[in-house]
Amino acid sequence: MRDAGYWIGKLKMLPHPEGGYFKESYRSEEVYHGKHLPERFTGDRNISTSIYYLLENDQCSKLHRIKSDEMWHFYDGSGLNIYAIDAKGNLTEYKLGLNCDEGELPQVLIKAGDWFGAKPNKHGSYCLAGCTVSPGFHFEDFEMGDRKNLLELFPQHEDIILKLT
């Protein structure tokens, strides 16, 4: 039977700074030159990157943001609840998974600049997902959320911020 340990081993996943496990699966050889990218980018970026990403049990992806759009893809396990807060303070809860009758979708898009984090939707389970980023992911474009700052910016979402920071 496949479980979180199976995927972590087979895909040679490593701990991710935001929580869970990951393995880069693709990085395009072609790049966008910095002069052709929006000003928020400080240099060249691969056209696209992709990772496998896994959360198990009570792990969470801590609130963070990146400078690119990120498409999440569901692969295995239980579903995943992804919480995103946009610049205006609007909170959206996305459900990643295959149970469309329960509001889950097999793909979820998180827009560039939105704060987001995630948790498996079932205690004691796991979720194997994929994340595709374009322009491609670069750690320079990653910002981990600070609990105090996020609570000051979005006090109306205290419960989610406390869970995911």
N, C-alpha and C. Protein backbone atom coordinates (compact mmCIF):
# COMPACT_ATOMS: atom_id res chain seq x y z
N MET A 1 0.84 -1.19 0.00
CA MET A 1 0.00 0.00 0.00
C MET A 1 0.88 1.25 0.00
N ARG A 2 0.51 2.21 -0.82
CA ARG A 2 1.25 3.46 -0.87
C ARG A 2 0.84 4.36 0.30
N ASP A 3 1.85 4.91 0.94
CA ASP A 3 1.62 5.89 1.99
C ASP A 3 2.62 7.01 1.79
N ALA A 4 2.66 7.96 2.72
CA ALA A 4 3.58 9.09 2.59
C ALA A 4 5.03 8.62 2.48
N GLY A 5 5.41 7.66 3.31
CA GLY A 5 6.79 7.16 3.28
C GLY A 5 7.17 6.56 1.94
N TYR A 6 6.21 5.88 1.30
CA TYR A 6 6.46 5.30 -0.02
C TYR A 6 6.87 6.41 -1.00
N TRP A 7 6.07 7.47 -1.05
CA TRP A 7 6.34 8.55 -2.00
C TRP A 7 7.62 9.31 -1.66
N ILE A 8 7.84 9.58 -0.37
CA ILE A 8 9.06 10.29 0.04
C ILE A 8 10.29 9.52 -0.42
N GLY A 9 10.27 8.19 -0.24
CA GLY A 9 11.40 7.35 -0.66
C GLY A 9 11.52 7.22 -2.16
N LYS A 10 10.44 6.87 -2.84
CA LYS A 10 10.48 6.66 -4.29
C LYS A 10 10.87 7.91 -5.06
N LEU A 11 10.38 9.06 -4.60
CA LEU A 11 10.66 10.31 -5.31
C LEU A 11 11.89 11.03 -4.77
N LYS A 12 12.53 10.43 -3.76
CA LYS A 12 13.73 11.01 -3.15
C LYS A 12 13.47 12.44 -2.68
N MET A 13 12.37 12.60 -1.95
CA MET A 13 11.96 13.92 -1.48
C MET A 13 12.77 14.33 -0.26
N LEU A 14 12.93 15.64 -0.10
CA LEU A 14 13.66 16.25 1.01
C LEU A 14 12.74 17.18 1.78
N PRO A 15 13.07 17.48 3.05
CA PRO A 15 12.25 18.45 3.80
C PRO A 15 12.25 19.81 3.11
N HIS A 16 11.08 20.45 3.11
CA HIS A 16 10.93 21.76 2.49
C HIS A 16 10.93 22.83 3.59
N PRO A 17 11.55 24.00 3.36
CA PRO A 17 11.60 25.04 4.38
C PRO A 17 10.22 25.50 4.88
N GLU A 18 9.19 25.41 4.04
CA GLU A 18 7.86 25.85 4.46
C GLU A 18 7.07 24.75 5.15
N GLY A 19 7.61 23.53 5.19
CA GLY A 19 6.92 22.38 5.77
C GLY A 19 6.72 21.31 4.71
N GLY A 20 6.62 20.07 5.14
CA GLY A 20 6.41 18.97 4.21
C GLY A 20 7.70 18.56 3.52
N TYR A 21 7.54 17.92 2.35
CA TYR A 21 8.65 17.38 1.58
C TYR A 21 8.50 17.78 0.12
N PHE A 22 9.64 17.86 -0.60
CA PHE A 22 9.58 18.22 -2.01
C PHE A 22 10.71 17.57 -2.79
N LYS A 23 10.53 17.55 -4.09
CA LYS A 23 11.58 17.13 -5.04
C LYS A 23 11.35 17.90 -6.33
N GLU A 24 12.35 18.66 -6.76
CA GLU A 24 12.21 19.34 -8.04
C GLU A 24 12.18 18.29 -9.14
N SER A 25 11.20 18.38 -10.02
CA SER A 25 11.05 17.41 -11.11
C SER A 25 11.31 18.02 -12.49
N TYR A 26 11.33 19.35 -12.56
CA TYR A 26 11.54 19.99 -13.86
C TYR A 26 12.02 21.42 -13.66
N ARG A 27 12.96 21.81 -14.48
CA ARG A 27 13.43 23.19 -14.58
C ARG A 27 13.76 23.42 -16.04
N SER A 28 13.01 24.29 -16.70
CA SER A 28 13.24 24.51 -18.12
C SER A 28 14.66 24.99 -18.37
N GLU A 29 15.18 24.58 -19.50
CA GLU A 29 16.53 25.04 -19.88
C GLU A 29 16.48 26.47 -20.42
N GLU A 30 15.36 26.84 -21.00
CA GLU A 30 15.21 28.19 -21.54
C GLU A 30 14.89 29.16 -20.41
N VAL A 31 15.34 30.38 -20.58
CA VAL A 31 15.12 31.40 -19.56
C VAL A 31 14.49 32.65 -20.16
N TYR A 32 13.77 33.36 -19.29
CA TYR A 32 13.34 34.72 -19.59
C TYR A 32 14.46 35.62 -19.09
N HIS A 33 14.91 36.54 -19.90
CA HIS A 33 15.92 37.49 -19.46
C HIS A 33 15.24 38.55 -18.60
N GLY A 34 15.93 38.96 -17.55
CA GLY A 34 15.36 39.89 -16.58
C GLY A 34 14.73 41.12 -17.19
N LYS A 35 15.34 41.63 -18.25
CA LYS A 35 14.80 42.85 -18.87
C LYS A 35 13.43 42.63 -19.51
N HIS A 36 13.04 41.36 -19.70
CA HIS A 36 11.75 41.05 -20.30
C HIS A 36 10.70 40.63 -19.26
N LEU A 37 11.08 40.68 -17.99
CA LEU A 37 10.18 40.29 -16.91
C LEU A 37 9.64 41.51 -16.19
N PRO A 38 8.52 41.37 -15.48
CA PRO A 38 8.04 42.49 -14.66
C PRO A 38 9.10 42.93 -13.65
N GLU A 39 9.02 44.16 -13.20
CA GLU A 39 10.03 44.76 -12.33
C GLU A 39 10.21 44.02 -11.01
N ARG A 40 9.24 43.22 -10.58
CA ARG A 40 9.36 42.51 -9.30
C ARG A 40 10.46 41.45 -9.32
N PHE A 41 10.91 41.07 -10.52
CA PHE A 41 11.99 40.10 -10.66
C PHE A 41 13.31 40.84 -10.81
N THR A 42 14.37 40.29 -10.20
CA THR A 42 15.66 40.98 -10.16
C THR A 42 16.70 40.38 -11.11
N GLY A 43 16.29 39.47 -11.95
CA GLY A 43 17.24 38.86 -12.87
C GLY A 43 16.55 37.85 -13.76
N ASP A 44 17.35 37.03 -14.44
CA ASP A 44 16.82 36.01 -15.33
C ASP A 44 16.08 34.95 -14.53
N ARG A 45 15.06 34.31 -15.16
CA ARG A 45 14.32 33.22 -14.54
C ARG A 45 14.08 32.14 -15.58
N ASN A 46 14.14 30.88 -15.16
CA ASN A 46 13.74 29.79 -16.04
C ASN A 46 12.29 30.02 -16.42
N ILE A 47 11.92 29.57 -17.61
CA ILE A 47 10.54 29.80 -18.06
C ILE A 47 9.55 29.12 -17.13
N SER A 48 9.87 27.91 -16.65
CA SER A 48 8.95 27.18 -15.79
C SER A 48 9.74 26.20 -14.92
N THR A 49 9.20 25.91 -13.74
CA THR A 49 9.74 24.87 -12.86
C THR A 49 8.57 24.08 -12.29
N SER A 50 8.89 22.87 -11.81
CA SER A 50 7.85 22.02 -11.21
C SER A 50 8.47 21.18 -10.12
N ILE A 51 7.69 20.96 -9.06
CA ILE A 51 8.12 20.09 -7.97
C ILE A 51 7.00 19.10 -7.63
N TYR A 52 7.41 17.97 -7.02
CA TYR A 52 6.49 17.14 -6.26
C TYR A 52 6.47 17.74 -4.86
N TYR A 53 5.31 17.73 -4.21
CA TYR A 53 5.19 18.29 -2.87
C TYR A 53 4.29 17.39 -2.05
N LEU A 54 4.70 17.08 -0.82
CA LEU A 54 3.93 16.17 0.01
C LEU A 54 3.80 16.72 1.43
N LEU A 55 2.57 16.70 1.93
CA LEU A 55 2.29 16.99 3.33
C LEU A 55 1.68 15.74 3.93
N GLU A 56 2.11 15.40 5.15
CA GLU A 56 1.54 14.24 5.81
C GLU A 56 1.01 14.61 7.19
N ASN A 57 0.02 13.81 7.64
CA ASN A 57 -0.56 13.96 8.98
C ASN A 57 -0.95 15.40 9.26
N ASP A 58 -0.35 15.97 10.30
CA ASP A 58 -0.72 17.32 10.70
C ASP A 58 0.29 18.36 10.23
N GLN A 59 1.12 18.02 9.24
CA GLN A 59 2.05 19.01 8.69
C GLN A 59 1.26 20.08 7.94
N CYS A 60 1.87 21.25 7.82
CA CYS A 60 1.26 22.28 7.00
C CYS A 60 2.33 22.96 6.16
N SER A 61 1.88 23.54 5.09
CA SER A 61 2.70 24.45 4.30
C SER A 61 2.46 25.81 4.93
N LYS A 62 3.49 26.38 5.55
CA LYS A 62 3.35 27.66 6.25
C LYS A 62 3.08 28.78 5.25
N LEU A 63 2.37 29.81 5.74
CA LEU A 63 2.04 30.94 4.88
C LEU A 63 3.31 31.55 4.31
N HIS A 64 3.30 31.72 3.00
CA HIS A 64 4.41 32.30 2.28
C HIS A 64 3.87 32.89 0.99
N ARG A 65 4.72 33.56 0.26
CA ARG A 65 4.33 34.06 -1.06
C ARG A 65 5.52 34.03 -1.98
N ILE A 66 5.21 33.98 -3.27
CA ILE A 66 6.25 34.03 -4.30
C ILE A 66 5.85 35.04 -5.36
N LYS A 67 6.78 35.38 -6.22
CA LYS A 67 6.55 36.43 -7.21
C LYS A 67 5.93 35.92 -8.51
N SER A 68 5.67 34.61 -8.60
CA SER A 68 5.11 34.00 -9.81
C SER A 68 3.77 33.34 -9.49
N ASP A 69 3.00 33.08 -10.53
CA ASP A 69 1.82 32.23 -10.37
C ASP A 69 2.27 30.81 -10.07
N GLU A 70 1.48 30.09 -9.27
CA GLU A 70 1.80 28.71 -8.94
C GLU A 70 0.55 27.85 -9.12
N MET A 71 0.65 26.86 -9.99
CA MET A 71 -0.45 25.92 -10.23
C MET A 71 -0.19 24.65 -9.44
N TRP A 72 -1.16 24.27 -8.60
CA TRP A 72 -1.09 23.04 -7.81
C TRP A 72 -1.85 21.94 -8.55
N HIS A 73 -1.31 20.71 -8.52
CA HIS A 73 -1.91 19.56 -9.18
C HIS A 73 -2.04 18.43 -8.13
N PHE A 74 -3.18 17.77 -8.07
CA PHE A 74 -3.38 16.67 -7.14
C PHE A 74 -2.89 15.36 -7.75
N TYR A 75 -2.17 14.55 -6.93
CA TYR A 75 -1.69 13.25 -7.40
C TYR A 75 -2.20 12.06 -6.58
N ASP A 76 -2.09 12.11 -5.24
CA ASP A 76 -2.44 10.93 -4.45
C ASP A 76 -2.71 11.34 -3.00
N GLY A 77 -3.41 10.44 -2.28
CA GLY A 77 -3.71 10.66 -0.87
C GLY A 77 -5.05 11.35 -0.70
N SER A 78 -5.20 12.02 0.44
CA SER A 78 -6.43 12.78 0.68
C SER A 78 -6.29 14.14 0.02
N GLY A 79 -7.35 14.89 0.07
CA GLY A 79 -7.31 16.24 -0.49
C GLY A 79 -6.49 17.18 0.37
N LEU A 80 -6.36 18.39 -0.12
CA LEU A 80 -5.57 19.42 0.54
C LEU A 80 -6.38 20.70 0.56
N ASN A 81 -6.41 21.37 1.71
CA ASN A 81 -7.02 22.70 1.79
C ASN A 81 -5.91 23.72 1.66
N ILE A 82 -6.05 24.61 0.67
CA ILE A 82 -5.07 25.66 0.42
C ILE A 82 -5.75 26.98 0.73
N TYR A 83 -5.11 27.78 1.58
CA TYR A 83 -5.66 29.06 2.01
C TYR A 83 -4.82 30.17 1.40
N ALA A 84 -5.48 31.12 0.73
CA ALA A 84 -4.76 32.22 0.08
C ALA A 84 -5.38 33.55 0.52
N ILE A 85 -4.50 34.50 0.83
CA ILE A 85 -4.92 35.85 1.20
C ILE A 85 -4.32 36.81 0.18
N ASP A 86 -5.20 37.53 -0.52
CA ASP A 86 -4.70 38.47 -1.53
C ASP A 86 -4.34 39.81 -0.90
N ALA A 87 -3.80 40.72 -1.70
CA ALA A 87 -3.32 42.01 -1.21
C ALA A 87 -4.44 42.85 -0.58
N LYS A 88 -5.68 42.62 -0.98
CA LYS A 88 -6.81 43.36 -0.41
C LYS A 88 -7.32 42.74 0.89
N GLY A 89 -6.74 41.58 1.27
CA GLY A 89 -7.15 40.93 2.51
C GLY A 89 -8.25 39.90 2.34
N ASN A 90 -8.59 39.58 1.10
CA ASN A 90 -9.62 38.56 0.86
C ASN A 90 -9.02 37.17 1.05
N LEU A 91 -9.68 36.35 1.85
CA LEU A 91 -9.25 34.98 2.09
C LEU A 91 -10.06 34.04 1.21
N THR A 92 -9.38 33.16 0.49
CA THR A 92 -10.03 32.12 -0.31
C THR A 92 -9.50 30.78 0.14
N GLU A 93 -10.43 29.83 0.36
CA GLU A 93 -10.03 28.45 0.68
C GLU A 93 -10.28 27.60 -0.55
N TYR A 94 -9.22 27.03 -1.08
CA TYR A 94 -9.31 26.14 -2.22
C TYR A 94 -9.23 24.70 -1.72
N LYS A 95 -9.90 23.80 -2.40
CA LYS A 95 -9.85 22.39 -2.06
C LYS A 95 -9.25 21.63 -3.24
N LEU A 96 -8.04 21.10 -3.02
CA LEU A 96 -7.33 20.36 -4.05
C LEU A 96 -7.61 18.88 -3.85
N GLY A 97 -8.07 18.20 -4.88
CA GLY A 97 -8.37 16.77 -4.79
C GLY A 97 -9.26 16.35 -5.95
N LEU A 98 -9.76 15.14 -5.85
CA LEU A 98 -10.57 14.58 -6.94
C LEU A 98 -12.05 14.47 -6.60
N ASN A 99 -12.45 14.84 -5.39
CA ASN A 99 -13.85 14.74 -5.00
C ASN A 99 -14.59 16.02 -5.38
N CYS A 100 -14.93 16.12 -6.65
CA CYS A 100 -15.59 17.33 -7.17
C CYS A 100 -16.95 17.55 -6.52
N ASP A 101 -17.63 16.48 -6.09
CA ASP A 101 -18.92 16.62 -5.42
C ASP A 101 -18.79 17.34 -4.08
N GLU A 102 -17.59 17.33 -3.51
CA GLU A 102 -17.32 18.03 -2.24
C GLU A 102 -16.58 19.35 -2.47
N GLY A 103 -16.53 19.81 -3.71
CA GLY A 103 -15.91 21.09 -4.02
C GLY A 103 -14.42 21.03 -4.31
N GLU A 104 -13.85 19.82 -4.38
CA GLU A 104 -12.44 19.70 -4.69
C GLU A 104 -12.21 19.83 -6.20
N LEU A 105 -11.03 20.32 -6.55
CA LEU A 105 -10.62 20.43 -7.94
C LEU A 105 -9.24 19.81 -8.09
N PRO A 106 -8.95 19.17 -9.24
CA PRO A 106 -7.63 18.56 -9.43
C PRO A 106 -6.51 19.56 -9.66
N GLN A 107 -6.84 20.81 -9.97
CA GLN A 107 -5.84 21.86 -10.13
C GLN A 107 -6.34 23.12 -9.43
N VAL A 108 -5.42 23.85 -8.82
CA VAL A 108 -5.74 25.12 -8.15
C VAL A 108 -4.63 26.11 -8.50
N LEU A 109 -5.02 27.32 -8.86
CA LEU A 109 -4.05 28.37 -9.18
C LEU A 109 -3.95 29.36 -8.03
N ILE A 110 -2.72 29.62 -7.59
CA ILE A 110 -2.44 30.67 -6.62
C ILE A 110 -1.73 31.79 -7.38
N LYS A 111 -2.28 32.98 -7.28
CA LYS A 111 -1.73 34.10 -8.04
C LYS A 111 -0.47 34.67 -7.39
N ALA A 112 0.40 35.17 -8.22
CA ALA A 112 1.65 35.79 -7.77
C ALA A 112 1.36 36.83 -6.70
N GLY A 113 2.14 36.79 -5.61
CA GLY A 113 2.01 37.79 -4.56
C GLY A 113 1.02 37.48 -3.47
N ASP A 114 0.13 36.50 -3.67
CA ASP A 114 -0.82 36.13 -2.62
C ASP A 114 -0.10 35.33 -1.54
N TRP A 115 -0.45 35.56 -0.28
CA TRP A 115 0.04 34.74 0.82
C TRP A 115 -0.74 33.44 0.79
N PHE A 116 -0.06 32.30 0.92
CA PHE A 116 -0.79 31.03 0.91
C PHE A 116 -0.08 29.97 1.72
N GLY A 117 -0.89 29.02 2.17
CA GLY A 117 -0.40 27.87 2.92
C GLY A 117 -1.43 26.77 2.78
N ALA A 118 -1.11 25.56 3.28
CA ALA A 118 -2.00 24.42 3.05
C ALA A 118 -1.90 23.40 4.17
N LYS A 119 -2.95 22.58 4.27
CA LYS A 119 -3.00 21.46 5.22
C LYS A 119 -3.79 20.31 4.57
N PRO A 120 -3.39 19.05 4.84
CA PRO A 120 -4.22 17.93 4.39
C PRO A 120 -5.62 18.06 5.01
N ASN A 121 -6.64 17.64 4.26
CA ASN A 121 -8.00 17.81 4.76
C ASN A 121 -8.48 16.67 5.65
N LYS A 122 -7.65 15.64 5.85
CA LYS A 122 -8.01 14.53 6.73
C LYS A 122 -6.88 14.26 7.71
N HIS A 123 -7.20 14.23 8.99
CA HIS A 123 -6.21 13.92 10.02
C HIS A 123 -5.65 12.52 9.78
N GLY A 124 -4.35 12.38 9.90
CA GLY A 124 -3.71 11.08 9.76
C GLY A 124 -3.48 10.64 8.32
N SER A 125 -3.72 11.53 7.36
CA SER A 125 -3.53 11.18 5.96
C SER A 125 -2.33 11.95 5.40
N TYR A 126 -2.25 11.99 4.10
CA TYR A 126 -1.21 12.74 3.41
C TYR A 126 -1.78 13.20 2.08
N CYS A 127 -1.08 14.14 1.46
CA CYS A 127 -1.43 14.57 0.12
C CYS A 127 -0.15 14.72 -0.69
N LEU A 128 -0.10 14.03 -1.82
CA LEU A 128 0.97 14.21 -2.79
C LEU A 128 0.43 15.10 -3.89
N ALA A 129 1.11 16.22 -4.10
CA ALA A 129 0.69 17.19 -5.11
C ALA A 129 1.89 17.57 -5.96
N GLY A 130 1.61 18.33 -6.98
CA GLY A 130 2.66 18.92 -7.80
C GLY A 130 2.44 20.42 -7.84
N CYS A 131 3.50 21.18 -7.96
CA CYS A 131 3.42 22.63 -8.07
C CYS A 131 4.24 23.08 -9.26
N THR A 132 3.61 23.79 -10.18
CA THR A 132 4.27 24.31 -11.37
C THR A 132 4.29 25.83 -11.26
N VAL A 133 5.46 26.42 -11.44
CA VAL A 133 5.64 27.86 -11.25
C VAL A 133 6.15 28.46 -12.55
N SER A 134 5.55 29.62 -12.93
CA SER A 134 6.00 30.31 -14.13
C SER A 134 5.82 31.82 -13.94
N PRO A 135 6.88 32.65 -14.20
CA PRO A 135 8.24 32.25 -14.44
C PRO A 135 8.75 31.35 -13.32
N GLY A 136 9.75 30.54 -13.65
CA GLY A 136 10.21 29.50 -12.76
C GLY A 136 10.62 29.96 -11.37
N PHE A 137 10.48 29.04 -10.42
CA PHE A 137 10.79 29.33 -9.02
C PHE A 137 12.27 29.62 -8.82
N HIS A 138 12.52 30.62 -8.00
CA HIS A 138 13.87 31.00 -7.59
C HIS A 138 13.75 31.39 -6.12
N PHE A 139 14.61 30.85 -5.24
CA PHE A 139 14.46 31.12 -3.81
C PHE A 139 14.49 32.61 -3.48
N GLU A 140 15.10 33.41 -4.32
CA GLU A 140 15.11 34.86 -4.12
C GLU A 140 13.68 35.43 -4.17
N ASP A 141 12.77 34.72 -4.84
CA ASP A 141 11.38 35.19 -5.01
C ASP A 141 10.45 34.67 -3.91
N PHE A 142 11.00 33.97 -2.92
CA PHE A 142 10.23 33.32 -1.86
C PHE A 142 10.29 34.16 -0.59
N GLU A 143 9.13 34.37 0.04
CA GLU A 143 9.07 35.10 1.31
C GLU A 143 8.21 34.32 2.28
N MET A 144 8.82 33.90 3.40
CA MET A 144 8.07 33.21 4.46
C MET A 144 7.30 34.24 5.25
N GLY A 145 6.05 33.92 5.58
CA GLY A 145 5.22 34.83 6.34
C GLY A 145 5.67 34.95 7.79
N ASP A 146 5.64 36.16 8.32
CA ASP A 146 5.93 36.43 9.72
C ASP A 146 4.60 36.60 10.44
N ARG A 147 4.38 35.79 11.49
CA ARG A 147 3.09 35.79 12.19
C ARG A 147 2.68 37.20 12.62
N LYS A 148 3.57 37.90 13.28
CA LYS A 148 3.23 39.24 13.80
C LYS A 148 2.82 40.18 12.66
N ASN A 149 3.62 40.21 11.61
CA ASN A 149 3.30 41.10 10.48
C ASN A 149 2.00 40.73 9.80
N LEU A 150 1.78 39.42 9.61
CA LEU A 150 0.53 38.99 8.95
C LEU A 150 -0.68 39.31 9.81
N LEU A 151 -0.57 39.16 11.13
CA LEU A 151 -1.68 39.50 12.02
C LEU A 151 -1.99 41.00 11.98
N GLU A 152 -0.95 41.82 11.84
CA GLU A 152 -1.16 43.27 11.71
C GLU A 152 -1.84 43.61 10.39
N LEU A 153 -1.43 42.93 9.31
CA LEU A 153 -2.01 43.20 8.00
C LEU A 153 -3.44 42.65 7.86
N PHE A 154 -3.66 41.45 8.42
CA PHE A 154 -4.93 40.75 8.20
C PHE A 154 -5.51 40.22 9.52
N PRO A 155 -5.85 41.11 10.47
CA PRO A 155 -6.35 40.63 11.76
C PRO A 155 -7.64 39.82 11.64
N GLN A 156 -8.39 40.03 10.58
CA GLN A 156 -9.64 39.30 10.36
C GLN A 156 -9.41 37.81 10.07
N HIS A 157 -8.18 37.44 9.78
CA HIS A 157 -7.85 36.03 9.46
C HIS A 157 -6.93 35.41 10.51
N GLU A 158 -7.09 35.87 11.75
CA GLU A 158 -6.22 35.42 12.84
C GLU A 158 -6.19 33.90 12.96
N ASP A 159 -7.34 33.23 12.85
CA ASP A 159 -7.37 31.77 13.04
C ASP A 159 -6.49 31.06 12.02
N ILE A 160 -6.58 31.44 10.76
CA ILE A 160 -5.76 30.81 9.71
C ILE A 160 -4.28 31.17 9.89
N ILE A 161 -4.00 32.42 10.19
CA ILE A 161 -2.61 32.84 10.37
C ILE A 161 -1.96 32.09 11.54
N LEU A 162 -2.69 31.91 12.63
CA LEU A 162 -2.14 31.17 13.77
C LEU A 162 -1.91 29.70 13.43
N LYS A 163 -2.77 29.11 12.60
CA LYS A 163 -2.60 27.71 12.21
C LYS A 163 -1.44 27.50 11.24
N LEU A 164 -1.17 28.49 10.39
CA LEU A 164 -0.23 28.30 9.29
C LEU A 164 1.03 29.16 9.39
N THR A 165 1.38 29.60 10.62
CA THR A 165 2.66 30.30 10.82
C THR A 165 3.35 29.68 12.02
